[in-house]
N, C-alpha and C. Protein backbone atom coordinates (compact mmCIF):
# COMPACT_ATOMS: atom_id res chain seq x y z
N MET A 1 109.55 122.70 144.00
CA MET A 1 108.51 122.29 144.09
C MET A 1 109.18 120.91 143.06
N ALA A 2 108.29 119.91 143.87
CA ALA A 2 108.79 118.15 142.94
C ALA A 2 107.50 118.10 142.26
N ALA A 3 107.70 117.09 140.94
CA ALA A 3 107.26 117.26 140.06
C ALA A 3 106.63 116.06 140.21
N THR A 4 105.54 116.10 139.96
CA THR A 4 104.81 114.83 140.14
C THR A 4 105.01 113.77 139.10
N PRO A 5 104.67 112.23 139.68
CA PRO A 5 104.86 111.17 138.22
C PRO A 5 104.07 111.22 137.62
N PRO A 6 103.77 110.64 136.06
CA PRO A 6 102.75 110.49 135.36
C PRO A 6 101.80 109.43 135.48
N ASN A 7 100.83 109.25 135.31
CA ASN A 7 99.85 108.24 136.30
C ASN A 7 99.93 107.39 134.93
N PHE A 8 99.38 106.00 135.59
CA PHE A 8 99.28 104.80 134.38
C PHE A 8 98.46 104.85 133.22
N GLU A 9 96.95 106.34 133.43
CA GLU A 9 96.92 106.48 132.02
C GLU A 9 97.52 107.61 131.14
N GLU A 10 98.42 107.94 131.45
CA GLU A 10 98.66 108.79 130.70
C GLU A 10 100.03 108.38 130.43
N LEU A 11 101.02 107.62 131.05
CA LEU A 11 101.57 106.13 130.27
C LEU A 11 101.27 105.34 129.30
N ALA A 12 99.55 104.86 129.24
CA ALA A 12 99.15 104.25 128.27
C ALA A 12 99.11 105.15 127.40
N ALA A 13 98.61 106.27 127.28
CA ALA A 13 98.37 107.35 126.17
C ALA A 13 100.22 107.19 125.17
N ILE A 14 100.79 107.73 126.43
CA ILE A 14 102.42 107.60 126.03
C ILE A 14 102.93 106.55 125.07
N ALA A 15 102.27 105.45 125.71
CA ALA A 15 102.61 104.36 124.67
C ALA A 15 101.82 103.91 123.32
N ASN A 16 100.59 104.36 123.32
CA ASN A 16 100.04 103.84 122.70
C ASN A 16 100.38 105.24 121.52
N LEU A 17 100.77 105.97 121.65
CA LEU A 17 100.58 106.77 120.37
C LEU A 17 101.48 106.18 119.67
N ASP A 18 102.58 105.45 120.19
CA ASP A 18 103.57 104.96 119.17
C ASP A 18 102.45 103.72 118.40
N ARG A 19 102.18 103.07 118.49
CA ARG A 19 101.33 101.99 117.98
C ARG A 19 100.19 102.54 117.06
N ASP A 20 99.98 103.77 117.41
CA ASP A 20 98.22 104.12 116.33
C ASP A 20 98.71 104.23 115.17
N PRO A 21 97.96 103.21 114.61
CA PRO A 21 98.13 103.40 112.98
C PRO A 21 98.61 104.53 112.13
N ALA A 22 97.80 105.68 112.43
CA ALA A 22 98.22 107.31 111.33
C ALA A 22 99.48 107.36 111.70
N ALA A 23 100.48 107.19 113.27
CA ALA A 23 101.30 107.48 113.71
C ALA A 23 102.69 106.89 112.61
N VAL A 24 102.20 105.04 112.62
CA VAL A 24 103.17 104.37 112.06
C VAL A 24 102.98 104.55 110.93
N ARG A 25 102.03 104.49 110.00
CA ARG A 25 101.79 105.20 108.56
C ARG A 25 102.93 106.25 108.09
N ARG A 26 102.85 107.32 109.22
CA ARG A 26 103.37 108.30 108.57
C ARG A 26 105.26 107.99 109.05
N ARG A 27 104.73 107.22 109.71
CA ARG A 27 106.94 106.89 110.22
C ARG A 27 107.40 105.74 108.94
N ILE A 28 106.60 104.55 108.17
CA ILE A 28 106.92 104.04 107.37
C ILE A 28 107.42 105.05 106.35
N GLU A 29 106.12 105.65 105.60
CA GLU A 29 105.98 106.76 104.90
C GLU A 29 107.52 107.18 104.77
N ALA A 30 107.97 107.47 105.48
CA ALA A 30 109.19 108.87 105.92
C ALA A 30 110.42 108.09 105.71
N MET A 31 110.34 106.57 106.40
CA MET A 31 111.70 105.27 106.27
C MET A 31 111.58 105.31 104.45
N GLU A 32 110.37 105.18 103.70
CA GLU A 32 110.30 104.69 102.71
C GLU A 32 110.97 105.40 101.91
N GLY A 33 110.81 107.07 101.75
CA GLY A 33 111.03 107.87 101.27
C GLY A 33 112.46 108.39 101.49
N MET A 34 112.83 107.73 102.49
CA MET A 34 114.62 107.72 102.69
C MET A 34 115.32 106.48 101.84
N LEU A 35 114.45 105.37 101.94
CA LEU A 35 115.30 104.70 101.45
C LEU A 35 114.74 104.72 99.65
N GLU A 36 114.11 105.26 99.34
CA GLU A 36 113.83 105.32 97.84
C GLU A 36 113.91 105.96 97.67
N ARG A 37 113.73 107.81 97.55
CA ARG A 37 113.48 108.71 96.85
C ARG A 37 114.16 109.39 97.74
N VAL A 38 115.29 110.10 98.06
CA VAL A 38 115.93 111.29 98.83
C VAL A 38 116.23 112.08 97.82
N LEU A 39 116.77 111.66 96.56
CA LEU A 39 117.44 112.89 95.78
C LEU A 39 117.11 112.33 94.14
N VAL A 40 117.30 113.09 93.02
CA VAL A 40 116.87 112.22 91.71
C VAL A 40 118.34 113.13 90.99
N ILE A 41 118.30 111.23 90.36
CA ILE A 41 119.50 111.72 89.80
C ILE A 41 119.65 112.59 88.27
N PRO A 42 120.54 113.50 88.01
CA PRO A 42 119.90 114.50 87.62
C PRO A 42 120.37 113.96 85.04
N GLY A 43 119.65 114.38 84.79
CA GLY A 43 119.46 113.84 83.14
C GLY A 43 118.89 112.85 82.80
N ILE A 44 118.53 111.68 84.34
CA ILE A 44 117.21 110.63 83.89
C ILE A 44 115.89 110.61 84.91
N ASN A 45 116.69 111.42 85.63
CA ASN A 45 114.71 111.62 86.66
C ASN A 45 114.60 110.88 87.53
N ARG A 46 115.27 109.98 87.88
CA ARG A 46 115.22 109.01 88.15
C ARG A 46 115.78 108.70 89.99
N PRO A 47 114.65 109.24 90.70
CA PRO A 47 114.79 109.11 92.33
C PRO A 47 115.53 107.67 92.97
N VAL A 48 116.24 108.15 93.45
CA VAL A 48 117.21 107.48 94.92
C VAL A 48 116.84 107.64 95.70
N GLY A 49 117.34 106.78 97.32
CA GLY A 49 117.75 106.56 97.88
C GLY A 49 118.71 106.12 98.55
N LEU A 50 118.62 105.93 100.32
CA LEU A 50 119.51 105.08 100.64
C LEU A 50 120.05 104.33 100.43
N ASP A 51 118.82 103.48 99.75
CA ASP A 51 119.42 102.12 99.74
C ASP A 51 119.80 101.87 98.65
N PHE A 52 119.99 102.60 97.58
CA PHE A 52 121.05 102.51 96.46
C PHE A 52 122.07 103.18 97.25
N ILE A 53 122.19 104.51 97.30
CA ILE A 53 123.49 105.27 97.97
C ILE A 53 124.71 104.31 98.93
N VAL A 54 123.80 104.10 100.20
CA VAL A 54 124.43 103.09 101.05
C VAL A 54 124.48 101.69 100.46
N GLY A 55 123.74 101.55 99.55
CA GLY A 55 124.45 100.33 98.99
C GLY A 55 125.52 99.83 97.81
N LEU A 56 125.96 101.29 97.62
CA LEU A 56 127.19 101.11 97.34
C LEU A 56 128.16 100.43 97.69
N VAL A 57 128.28 100.31 99.54
CA VAL A 57 129.75 100.78 100.29
C VAL A 57 129.32 99.20 100.27
N PRO A 58 130.21 98.34 100.19
CA PRO A 58 130.66 97.00 100.11
C PRO A 58 129.88 96.25 101.37
N VAL A 59 129.78 95.37 101.94
CA VAL A 59 128.76 94.68 102.91
C VAL A 59 128.36 95.57 103.95
N VAL A 60 129.39 96.45 104.66
CA VAL A 60 128.75 97.46 105.35
C VAL A 60 126.94 98.00 104.95
N GLY A 61 127.36 98.65 103.44
CA GLY A 61 125.65 99.39 103.52
C GLY A 61 124.97 98.72 102.65
N ASP A 62 125.05 97.20 102.64
CA ASP A 62 124.25 96.09 102.35
C ASP A 62 123.40 96.01 103.64
N ILE A 63 124.10 95.69 104.28
CA ILE A 63 123.60 95.35 105.94
C ILE A 63 122.65 96.35 106.97
N LEU A 64 123.13 97.34 106.69
CA LEU A 64 122.28 98.91 107.05
C LEU A 64 121.41 98.72 106.54
N THR A 65 121.29 98.70 104.74
CA THR A 65 119.77 98.46 104.49
C THR A 65 119.29 97.36 104.83
N ALA A 66 119.48 96.90 104.94
CA ALA A 66 118.67 95.35 105.30
C ALA A 66 117.63 95.47 106.35
N VAL A 67 118.89 95.86 107.76
CA VAL A 67 118.20 96.65 108.71
C VAL A 67 116.99 97.72 108.43
N MET A 68 117.34 98.52 107.49
CA MET A 68 115.99 99.79 107.64
C MET A 68 115.24 98.83 107.24
N GLY A 69 115.13 98.51 106.68
CA GLY A 69 114.07 97.89 105.53
C GLY A 69 113.70 96.69 106.66
N ALA A 70 114.17 95.74 107.51
CA ALA A 70 113.39 95.17 108.09
C ALA A 70 112.58 95.85 109.21
N TRP A 71 112.88 96.89 109.57
CA TRP A 71 112.54 98.09 110.66
C TRP A 71 110.91 97.55 110.24
N ILE A 72 111.05 97.98 108.56
CA ILE A 72 109.95 98.17 108.45
C ILE A 72 108.98 96.59 108.36
N VAL A 73 109.38 96.16 108.31
CA VAL A 73 108.62 94.84 108.84
C VAL A 73 108.54 94.85 109.95
N TRP A 74 108.95 95.22 110.68
CA TRP A 74 108.77 95.19 112.63
C TRP A 74 107.48 95.66 112.70
N GLU A 75 107.87 97.00 112.07
CA GLU A 75 106.61 97.70 112.09
C GLU A 75 105.07 97.73 111.83
N ALA A 76 105.34 96.48 110.41
CA ALA A 76 103.97 95.85 110.12
C ALA A 76 103.53 94.55 111.10
N ARG A 77 104.54 94.66 111.50
CA ARG A 77 104.65 93.36 112.53
C ARG A 77 103.57 93.72 113.63
N ASN A 78 103.99 94.66 114.28
CA ASN A 78 102.68 95.74 115.33
C ASN A 78 101.76 96.08 114.82
N LEU A 79 101.26 96.08 113.54
CA LEU A 79 99.90 96.43 113.16
C LEU A 79 99.48 95.21 113.08
N GLY A 80 99.68 93.93 113.57
CA GLY A 80 98.72 92.85 113.49
C GLY A 80 98.84 92.21 111.73
N MET A 81 99.55 92.85 111.25
CA MET A 81 99.70 92.30 109.57
C MET A 81 99.78 90.68 109.87
N SER A 82 99.00 89.88 108.39
CA SER A 82 99.13 88.92 108.79
C SER A 82 100.28 88.19 108.25
N LYS A 83 101.14 86.67 108.73
CA LYS A 83 102.07 85.80 108.53
C LYS A 83 101.88 85.92 106.95
N PHE A 84 101.06 86.19 105.85
CA PHE A 84 101.37 85.98 105.10
C PHE A 84 102.11 87.34 104.39
N GLN A 85 101.90 88.76 104.63
CA GLN A 85 101.82 89.89 104.38
C GLN A 85 103.38 90.08 105.27
N LEU A 86 103.31 89.54 105.66
CA LEU A 86 105.17 89.77 106.45
C LEU A 86 106.33 89.08 106.16
N VAL A 87 105.71 87.92 105.47
CA VAL A 87 106.59 87.18 104.80
C VAL A 87 107.23 87.74 103.35
N ARG A 88 106.15 88.40 102.77
CA ARG A 88 106.59 88.57 101.70
C ARG A 88 107.01 89.52 101.81
N MET A 89 106.50 90.71 102.67
CA MET A 89 107.89 92.04 103.17
C MET A 89 109.08 90.97 102.99
N ALA A 90 109.13 90.36 104.24
CA ALA A 90 110.65 89.60 104.46
C ALA A 90 111.22 89.43 102.81
N THR A 91 110.62 88.43 102.49
CA THR A 91 111.09 87.98 101.16
C THR A 91 111.78 89.39 100.39
N ASN A 92 110.64 90.46 100.37
CA ASN A 92 111.03 91.50 99.46
C ASN A 92 113.00 92.11 99.87
N VAL A 93 112.95 91.96 101.69
CA VAL A 93 113.75 92.71 101.56
C VAL A 93 115.24 91.61 102.02
N GLY A 94 114.64 90.47 101.73
CA GLY A 94 115.77 89.41 101.64
C GLY A 94 116.18 89.41 100.24
N VAL A 95 115.39 89.37 98.95
CA VAL A 95 115.69 89.47 98.06
C VAL A 95 116.49 91.01 97.43
N ASP A 96 116.07 91.78 98.17
CA ASP A 96 116.95 93.10 98.00
C ASP A 96 118.33 93.11 98.74
N SER A 97 118.11 92.00 99.86
CA SER A 97 120.09 92.85 100.37
C SER A 97 120.58 91.25 99.71
N LEU A 98 120.27 90.03 99.38
CA LEU A 98 121.25 89.34 98.91
C LEU A 98 121.57 89.42 97.58
N LEU A 99 120.66 89.92 96.33
CA LEU A 99 121.10 90.29 95.17
C LEU A 99 121.47 91.97 94.95
N GLY A 100 121.14 92.52 96.27
CA GLY A 100 122.22 93.90 96.17
C GLY A 100 123.23 93.49 96.98
N ALA A 101 124.08 92.45 97.14
CA ALA A 101 125.34 91.99 98.16
C ALA A 101 126.22 92.18 96.73
N VAL A 102 125.80 91.92 95.73
CA VAL A 102 126.96 91.19 94.74
C VAL A 102 127.93 92.48 94.00
N PRO A 103 129.03 92.16 93.78
CA PRO A 103 129.55 93.64 93.65
C PRO A 103 129.03 93.98 91.98
N VAL A 104 128.76 95.63 91.85
CA VAL A 104 128.08 95.88 90.64
C VAL A 104 126.71 95.94 89.77
N VAL A 105 126.11 94.32 89.79
CA VAL A 105 125.21 93.60 89.38
C VAL A 105 124.16 94.27 90.24
N GLY A 106 124.59 93.38 92.26
CA GLY A 106 123.98 94.45 93.04
C GLY A 106 123.08 95.39 92.88
N ASP A 107 124.10 96.43 92.61
CA ASP A 107 124.24 98.15 92.30
C ASP A 107 122.70 98.49 91.40
N ALA A 108 122.85 97.59 90.47
CA ALA A 108 122.29 97.65 88.92
C ALA A 108 120.58 97.41 89.75
N PHE A 109 120.85 96.04 90.43
CA PHE A 109 119.84 95.53 90.76
C PHE A 109 119.07 96.48 91.81
N ASP A 110 119.79 96.78 92.59
CA ASP A 110 119.17 97.93 93.81
C ASP A 110 118.55 98.81 92.86
N PHE A 111 118.96 99.95 91.91
CA PHE A 111 118.90 100.75 91.51
C PHE A 111 116.90 100.60 90.93
N PHE A 112 117.41 99.76 90.54
CA PHE A 112 115.76 99.19 89.57
C PHE A 112 114.33 98.69 90.48
N PHE A 113 115.04 97.41 91.61
CA PHE A 113 113.93 96.75 92.71
C PHE A 113 113.66 97.47 93.78
N ARG A 114 112.68 98.41 94.21
CA ARG A 114 112.64 98.83 95.10
C ARG A 114 111.21 98.00 95.96
N SER A 115 112.57 97.40 97.08
CA SER A 115 111.55 96.44 97.92
C SER A 115 110.88 97.12 99.05
N ASN A 116 111.71 98.69 99.32
CA ASN A 116 110.85 98.97 100.03
C ASN A 116 109.18 100.15 100.23
N SER A 117 109.56 100.60 98.76
CA SER A 117 108.24 101.17 98.06
C SER A 117 107.83 99.81 97.65
N ARG A 118 107.68 98.15 97.62
CA ARG A 118 106.94 97.22 97.45
C ARG A 118 106.43 97.26 99.16
N ASN A 119 107.27 97.07 99.73
CA ASN A 119 106.45 97.07 101.19
C ASN A 119 105.84 98.03 101.79
N LEU A 120 105.78 99.72 101.55
CA LEU A 120 105.05 99.84 101.58
C LEU A 120 103.76 100.00 100.52
N LYS A 121 103.88 99.24 99.70
CA LYS A 121 102.30 99.44 99.32
C LYS A 121 101.08 98.20 99.63
N ILE A 122 101.87 97.42 100.52
CA ILE A 122 101.40 95.98 101.19
C ILE A 122 100.47 96.54 101.98
N ILE A 123 101.88 97.72 102.92
CA ILE A 123 101.07 98.13 104.30
C ILE A 123 100.20 98.99 104.21
N LYS A 124 99.89 99.47 102.71
CA LYS A 124 98.80 100.30 102.59
C LYS A 124 97.78 99.69 102.67
N ARG A 125 97.68 98.88 101.91
CA ARG A 125 96.53 98.40 101.53
C ARG A 125 95.80 97.85 103.18
N HIS A 126 97.03 97.31 103.78
CA HIS A 126 96.19 96.59 104.71
C HIS A 126 95.60 98.05 105.72
N LEU A 127 96.58 99.10 105.99
CA LEU A 127 95.98 100.33 106.56
C LEU A 127 94.55 100.77 106.26
N ASP A 128 94.36 100.68 104.66
CA ASP A 128 93.19 101.49 104.04
C ASP A 128 91.88 100.25 104.26
N LYS A 129 92.40 99.32 104.80
CA LYS A 129 91.10 98.02 104.51
C LYS A 129 90.96 98.46 106.21
N HIS A 130 91.80 98.08 107.03
CA HIS A 130 91.57 98.17 108.53
C HIS A 130 91.62 99.07 109.31
N TYR A 131 91.98 100.09 108.65
CA TYR A 131 92.17 101.06 109.43
C TYR A 131 91.99 102.87 108.41
N PRO A 132 90.62 102.63 107.77
CA PRO A 132 90.73 104.03 107.31
C PRO A 132 90.72 105.10 107.33
N GLY A 133 90.59 105.68 108.87
CA GLY A 133 90.93 106.88 109.26
C GLY A 133 92.33 106.96 108.87
N THR A 134 93.34 106.63 108.36
CA THR A 134 94.78 106.64 108.42
C THR A 134 94.96 107.22 106.83
N VAL A 135 94.20 107.03 105.73
CA VAL A 135 94.33 107.25 104.80
C VAL A 135 94.40 108.58 104.30
N THR A 136 95.30 109.11 103.85
CA THR A 136 95.84 109.98 103.04
C THR A 136 95.81 110.40 101.66
N ILE A 137 95.61 111.65 101.20
CA ILE A 137 95.27 112.10 99.93
C ILE A 137 96.22 112.68 99.26
N GLU A 138 97.42 112.81 98.42
CA GLU A 138 98.47 113.78 98.18
C GLU A 138 99.13 114.55 99.92
N GLY A 139 99.31 113.50 100.31
CA GLY A 139 100.14 113.78 101.34
C GLY A 139 99.25 114.69 103.15
N VAL A 140 98.19 114.88 102.71
CA VAL A 140 97.07 115.12 103.81
C VAL A 140 96.52 114.25 104.31
N SER A 141 96.13 114.14 105.36
CA SER A 141 94.99 113.29 106.47
C SER A 141 93.98 113.31 106.09
N SER A 142 93.52 112.38 106.09
CA SER A 142 91.72 112.35 106.04
C SER A 142 91.51 112.10 107.47
N ARG A 143 92.28 112.50 108.68
CA ARG A 143 91.70 112.62 110.04
C ARG A 143 91.34 113.88 110.51
N PRO A 144 90.09 114.29 111.14
CA PRO A 144 89.81 115.58 111.36
C PRO A 144 90.81 116.01 112.31
N ALA A 145 91.70 117.40 112.08
CA ALA A 145 92.27 117.97 113.05
C ALA A 145 91.27 117.53 114.66
N ARG A 146 92.35 117.45 115.46
CA ARG A 146 92.03 117.83 116.94
C ARG A 146 92.18 119.14 117.56
N SER A 147 91.45 119.15 118.23
CA SER A 147 90.82 121.06 118.98
C SER A 147 91.36 120.62 120.09
């Protein structure tokens, strides 16, 4: 028996899942957690993520983390955020990437300056204002469960 191809409405629904503000919020929160809080350094209880760890690898690490930070800005653009907000976010990523590329000093800078956390905060303010149904409290979505 041959499978029938999905109709236009089904394809549009699938495409909109990626742009759903709640789904975007979850993706960005997951990326920020991976970049900034993958593990805690014992003794000082300071969380670090791939931004710091991969940033220790000269050049390649800084480029890779810059690309991942730029992805967060791209997701924000897809949410329809203002150019001012996008420029602020791109500046955070740019400063983190440029100063993070400086040997030793850049690694210390990456340890303290969390551009992705700053960008997540900007995005959350936007989502909370324009899409209040995406608000999460302690990791629990405020959206009603689908039946």
